[in-house]
């Protein structure tokens, strides 16, 4: 259970980084 939660948080962090990159490029 904890491992799944951790990988979910990692994915959320990756997505947040991608959104930041997009915001910087097109913002």
N, C-alpha and C. Protein backbone atom coordinates (compact mmCIF):
# COMPACT_ATOMS: atom_id res chain seq x y z
N UNK A 1 0.85 -1.20 0.00
CA UNK A 1 0.00 0.00 0.00
C UNK A 1 0.88 1.25 0.00
N UNK A 2 1.87 1.28 0.88
CA UNK A 2 2.72 2.48 0.98
C UNK A 2 3.52 2.68 -0.30
N UNK A 3 3.96 1.58 -0.91
CA UNK A 3 4.74 1.71 -2.15
C UNK A 3 3.88 2.34 -3.24
N UNK A 4 2.63 1.91 -3.35
CA UNK A 4 1.75 2.49 -4.35
C UNK A 4 1.56 3.97 -4.12
N UNK A 5 1.39 4.35 -2.86
CA UNK A 5 1.21 5.76 -2.51
C UNK A 5 2.44 6.55 -2.91
N UNK A 6 3.62 5.98 -2.64
CA UNK A 6 4.85 6.68 -2.97
C UNK A 6 4.99 6.88 -4.47
N UNK A 7 4.71 5.84 -5.25
CA UNK A 7 4.84 5.96 -6.70
C UNK A 7 3.80 6.93 -7.25
N UNK A 8 2.64 6.99 -6.62
CA UNK A 8 1.63 7.96 -7.04
C UNK A 8 2.12 9.37 -6.79
N UNK A 9 2.74 9.60 -5.64
CA UNK A 9 3.28 10.92 -5.34
C UNK A 9 4.39 11.28 -6.32
N UNK A 10 5.23 10.30 -6.67
CA UNK A 10 6.30 10.54 -7.64
C UNK A 10 5.69 10.95 -8.98
N UNK A 11 4.62 10.27 -9.39
CA UNK A 11 3.98 10.60 -10.66
C UNK A 11 3.40 12.00 -10.61
N UNK A 12 2.77 12.35 -9.49
CA UNK A 12 2.21 13.69 -9.34
C UNK A 12 3.32 14.73 -9.46
N UNK A 13 4.46 14.45 -8.87
CA UNK A 13 5.59 15.38 -8.94
C UNK A 13 6.06 15.53 -10.38
N UNK A 14 6.14 14.40 -11.10
CA UNK A 14 6.55 14.45 -12.51
C UNK A 14 5.58 15.31 -13.31
N UNK A 15 4.28 15.09 -13.09
CA UNK A 15 3.27 15.86 -13.82
C UNK A 15 3.39 17.33 -13.49
N UNK A 16 3.62 17.65 -12.22
CA UNK A 16 3.76 19.05 -11.81
C UNK A 16 4.97 19.67 -12.51
N UNK A 17 6.06 18.93 -12.61
CA UNK A 17 7.25 19.44 -13.30
C UNK A 17 6.94 19.72 -14.76
N UNK A 18 6.21 18.80 -15.40
CA UNK A 18 5.85 18.98 -16.81
C UNK A 18 4.99 20.22 -16.98
N UNK A 19 4.01 20.40 -16.10
CA UNK A 19 3.15 21.58 -16.19
C UNK A 19 3.97 22.85 -16.00
N UNK A 20 4.95 22.80 -15.11
CA UNK A 20 5.81 23.98 -14.90
C UNK A 20 6.58 24.30 -16.17
N UNK A 21 7.13 23.26 -16.82
CA UNK A 21 7.87 23.47 -18.07
C UNK A 21 6.96 24.11 -19.11
N UNK A 22 5.75 23.59 -19.24
CA UNK A 22 4.81 24.12 -20.23
C UNK A 22 4.46 25.56 -19.90
N UNK A 23 4.23 25.84 -18.63
CA UNK A 23 3.88 27.20 -18.22
C UNK A 23 5.02 28.17 -18.54
N UNK A 24 6.25 27.72 -18.33
CA UNK A 24 7.39 28.59 -18.62
C UNK A 24 7.52 28.82 -20.13
N UNK A 25 7.26 27.79 -20.92
CA UNK A 25 7.40 27.91 -22.36
C UNK A 25 6.31 28.79 -22.97
N UNK A 26 5.07 28.56 -22.53
CA UNK A 26 3.93 29.19 -23.20
C UNK A 26 3.25 30.25 -22.34
N UNK A 27 3.71 30.43 -21.11
CA UNK A 27 3.02 31.32 -20.18
C UNK A 27 3.25 32.78 -20.48
